[in-house]
């Protein structure tokens, strides 16, 4: 039997998936079944429950990273340390972009490390690259303050509140305003009726 040429186009790196599964097991063992950890590993399967639903009560900071990324290895320990010190004010959700390519695509990841905040089920803002701890702390304090303002003014629509939070944070962050996957953004332009000829 002769070896045949084959293409690896569209191949999935199973090693990255295996490493992500091992990290999840390690994190789960460290929390001793306490599902309320300050740092969680998120997958495409758990994103809605671990991030979207949780963000309705607690701000969620998403760290998008990869094993091979040098700046990610600088930023992740800073975020994990701050999450541990936060005493439940916010949760850090770590997403390995190699093990979760569809999630990375849905979040429009073009560069890593990428950090975004989710409040009330909405992406509000984020930054790209490794920042010094002081700047990360300042950004997180703005996220927490925006979440507290949203919670205090719970009479308004959550989407409107999250959009206002995004506007407040946009001066510090470096990402454009985006919403979570599977959500349509309301048009700010008047509806146009197609012209029939």
Protein backbone atom coordinates (compact mmCIF):
# COMPACT_ATOMS: atom_id res chain seq x y z
CA UNK A 1 0.00 0.00 0.00
CA UNK A 2 1.42 3.38 -1.08
CA UNK A 3 1.17 6.44 1.16
CA UNK A 4 -1.19 8.94 -0.39
CA UNK A 5 -0.94 12.69 -0.32
CA UNK A 6 -3.40 14.30 2.02
CA UNK A 7 -4.27 17.82 2.97
CA UNK A 8 -4.47 19.18 6.50
CA UNK A 9 -6.77 21.98 5.36
CA UNK A 10 -9.52 22.39 7.95
CA UNK A 11 -7.78 20.15 10.48
CA UNK A 12 -8.47 20.68 14.16
CA UNK A 13 -5.60 20.74 16.63
CA UNK A 14 -6.72 17.97 18.97
CA UNK A 15 -3.70 18.57 21.19
CA UNK A 16 -5.01 22.04 22.09
CA UNK A 17 -8.42 20.57 22.91
CA UNK A 18 -6.80 17.92 25.11
CA UNK A 19 -4.70 20.54 26.93
CA UNK A 20 -7.81 22.67 27.50
CA UNK A 21 -9.66 19.65 28.94
CA UNK A 22 -6.74 18.93 31.26
CA UNK A 23 -6.68 22.57 32.43
CA UNK A 24 -10.43 22.44 33.09
CA UNK A 25 -9.97 19.31 35.21
CA UNK A 26 -7.15 20.98 37.14
CA UNK A 27 -9.23 24.11 37.79
CA UNK A 28 -12.25 22.01 38.78
CA UNK A 29 -10.13 19.96 41.20
CA UNK A 30 -8.72 23.17 42.69
CA UNK A 31 -12.20 24.57 43.37
CA UNK A 32 -13.28 21.29 45.05
CA UNK A 33 -16.64 21.29 43.28
CA UNK A 34 -17.35 24.87 44.35
CA UNK A 35 -18.82 26.15 41.07
CA UNK A 36 -18.28 29.73 42.23
CA UNK A 37 -14.58 30.13 41.39
CA UNK A 38 -13.12 33.54 40.52
CA UNK A 39 -11.37 32.02 37.47
CA UNK A 40 -13.16 29.66 35.10
CA UNK A 41 -12.18 27.98 31.84
CA UNK A 42 -14.89 28.48 29.23
CA UNK A 43 -15.57 26.40 26.13
CA UNK A 44 -17.94 26.81 23.21
CA UNK A 45 -20.33 24.45 25.02
CA UNK A 46 -20.28 26.32 28.36
CA UNK A 47 -20.11 29.91 27.09
CA UNK A 48 -23.82 30.72 27.49
CA UNK A 49 -24.09 29.45 31.07
CA UNK A 50 -20.62 30.44 32.30
CA UNK A 51 -20.47 33.88 30.68
CA UNK A 52 -23.78 35.20 29.35
CA UNK A 53 -26.03 34.01 32.19
CA UNK A 54 -23.48 34.72 34.92
CA UNK A 55 -22.94 38.27 33.59
CA UNK A 56 -26.54 39.11 34.45
CA UNK A 57 -25.58 39.10 38.15
CA UNK A 58 -21.77 39.52 38.14
CA UNK A 59 -19.49 41.23 35.60
CA UNK A 60 -17.49 38.70 33.59
CA UNK A 61 -14.07 39.54 32.18
CA UNK A 62 -13.13 37.28 29.25
CA UNK A 63 -9.43 36.57 28.67
CA UNK A 64 -8.90 35.25 25.13
CA UNK A 65 -5.50 33.57 24.95
CA UNK A 66 -3.44 30.72 23.47
CA UNK A 67 -0.66 28.52 24.83
CA UNK A 68 1.88 29.76 22.25
CA UNK A 69 1.21 33.48 22.89
CA UNK A 70 4.01 35.22 24.80
CA UNK A 71 2.06 38.36 25.81
CA UNK A 72 -0.79 36.10 26.98
CA UNK A 73 1.63 34.47 29.42
CA UNK A 74 2.38 37.93 30.84
CA UNK A 75 -1.23 39.12 31.09
CA UNK A 76 -3.01 35.97 32.30
CA UNK A 77 -1.25 35.79 35.69
CA UNK A 78 -2.09 39.45 36.31
CA UNK A 79 -5.78 38.87 35.53
CA UNK A 80 -5.87 35.69 37.63
CA UNK A 81 -4.25 37.49 40.58
CA UNK A 82 -6.71 40.38 40.35
CA UNK A 83 -9.65 37.97 40.06
CA UNK A 84 -8.52 36.20 43.21
CA UNK A 85 -8.27 39.53 45.04
CA UNK A 86 -11.65 40.77 43.74
CA UNK A 87 -13.62 38.83 46.36
CA UNK A 88 -16.39 37.94 43.90
CA UNK A 89 -16.92 41.45 42.45
CA UNK A 90 -16.22 39.97 39.01
CA UNK A 91 -15.34 36.65 37.41
CA UNK A 92 -12.50 35.88 35.00
CA UNK A 93 -13.51 33.58 32.13
CA UNK A 94 -10.53 32.18 30.21
CA UNK A 95 -11.05 31.12 26.58
CA UNK A 96 -8.31 29.20 24.76
CA UNK A 97 -8.78 30.39 21.17
CA UNK A 98 -7.01 27.32 19.74
CA UNK A 99 -9.33 24.91 21.53
CA UNK A 100 -12.44 27.05 20.84
CA UNK A 101 -12.06 28.43 17.30
CA UNK A 102 -15.79 29.01 16.69
CA UNK A 103 -16.06 31.08 19.85
CA UNK A 104 -12.98 33.09 18.87
CA UNK A 105 -14.54 33.70 15.46
CA UNK A 106 -17.89 34.72 16.97
CA UNK A 107 -16.10 37.23 19.23
CA UNK A 108 -14.18 38.53 16.18
CA UNK A 109 -10.77 37.85 17.71
CA UNK A 110 -8.06 39.18 15.40
CA UNK A 111 -5.22 39.48 17.90
CA UNK A 112 -4.43 38.02 21.31
CA UNK A 113 -4.33 38.58 24.16
CA UNK A 114 -7.75 40.15 23.95
CA UNK A 115 -9.78 41.00 27.04
CA UNK A 116 -13.45 41.98 26.96
CA UNK A 117 -16.05 42.68 29.63
CA UNK A 118 -19.57 41.28 29.65
CA UNK A 119 -22.26 42.99 31.73
CA UNK A 120 -25.92 42.03 31.63
CA UNK A 121 -25.34 39.64 28.73
CA UNK A 122 -23.69 42.32 26.56
CA UNK A 123 -20.10 42.91 25.51
CA UNK A 124 -19.30 46.39 26.72
CA UNK A 125 -15.62 46.99 26.03
CA UNK A 126 -12.13 45.57 26.16
CA UNK A 127 -8.49 45.93 25.24
CA UNK A 128 -5.85 44.19 23.14
CA UNK A 129 -2.35 43.27 24.23
CA UNK A 130 -0.64 42.94 27.58
CA UNK A 131 -1.08 46.03 29.73
CA UNK A 132 0.71 46.84 33.00
CA UNK A 133 -1.12 45.72 36.14
CA UNK A 134 -2.01 49.29 37.12
CA UNK A 135 -3.80 49.91 33.81
CA UNK A 136 -5.60 46.56 34.00
CA UNK A 137 -6.75 47.42 37.55
CA UNK A 138 -8.01 50.81 36.40
CA UNK A 139 -9.94 49.27 33.50
CA UNK A 140 -11.47 46.58 35.73
CA UNK A 141 -12.52 49.20 38.30
CA UNK A 142 -14.32 51.08 35.50
CA UNK A 143 -16.05 47.83 34.46
CA UNK A 144 -17.17 47.15 38.04
CA UNK A 145 -18.37 50.76 38.45
CA UNK A 146 -20.36 50.52 35.21
CA UNK A 147 -21.91 47.23 36.36
CA UNK A 148 -22.89 48.82 39.68
CA UNK A 149 -24.49 51.76 37.88
CA UNK A 150 -26.44 49.35 35.68
CA UNK A 151 -27.59 47.40 38.75
CA UNK A 152 -28.59 50.62 40.55
CA UNK A 153 -30.63 51.83 37.59
CA UNK A 154 -32.26 48.47 36.85
CA UNK A 155 -35.42 50.24 35.68
CA UNK A 156 -34.03 50.79 32.16
CA UNK A 157 -33.67 48.18 29.48
CA UNK A 158 -30.54 46.02 30.02
CA UNK A 159 -29.37 46.47 26.42
CA UNK A 160 -29.60 50.26 26.78
CA UNK A 161 -27.72 50.14 30.09
CA UNK A 162 -24.97 47.94 28.63
CA UNK A 163 -24.64 50.27 25.67
CA UNK A 164 -24.30 53.27 28.01
CA UNK A 165 -21.63 51.35 29.97
CA UNK A 166 -19.80 50.70 26.71
CA UNK A 167 -19.84 54.42 25.92
CA UNK A 168 -18.44 55.22 29.40
CA UNK A 169 -15.67 52.61 29.04
CA UNK A 170 -14.82 53.26 25.41
CA UNK A 171 -12.38 56.05 26.25
CA UNK A 172 -10.17 53.60 28.13
CA UNK A 173 -10.69 50.47 26.06
CA UNK A 174 -9.36 49.78 22.63
CA UNK A 175 -12.11 47.72 21.02
CA UNK A 176 -15.14 48.78 19.08
CA UNK A 177 -18.56 48.29 20.64
CA UNK A 178 -19.80 44.78 19.89
CA UNK A 179 -22.52 42.52 21.18
CA UNK A 180 -22.32 38.88 22.06
CA UNK A 181 -22.82 36.32 19.28
CA UNK A 182 -26.38 35.44 18.22
CA UNK A 183 -27.75 38.82 19.09
CA UNK A 184 -28.93 41.32 16.54
CA UNK A 185 -27.94 44.89 17.05
CA UNK A 186 -30.83 47.32 16.66
CA UNK A 187 -30.44 49.61 13.71
CA UNK A 188 -29.91 53.28 14.44
CA UNK A 189 -31.01 54.23 10.96
CA UNK A 190 -34.64 54.55 10.00
CA UNK A 191 -36.12 51.55 8.23
CA UNK A 192 -36.02 51.83 4.49
CA UNK A 193 -38.67 50.34 2.30
CA UNK A 194 -37.36 48.84 -0.91
CA UNK A 195 -38.46 50.69 -4.01
CA UNK A 196 -40.35 48.59 -6.53
CA UNK A 197 -40.16 49.46 -10.15
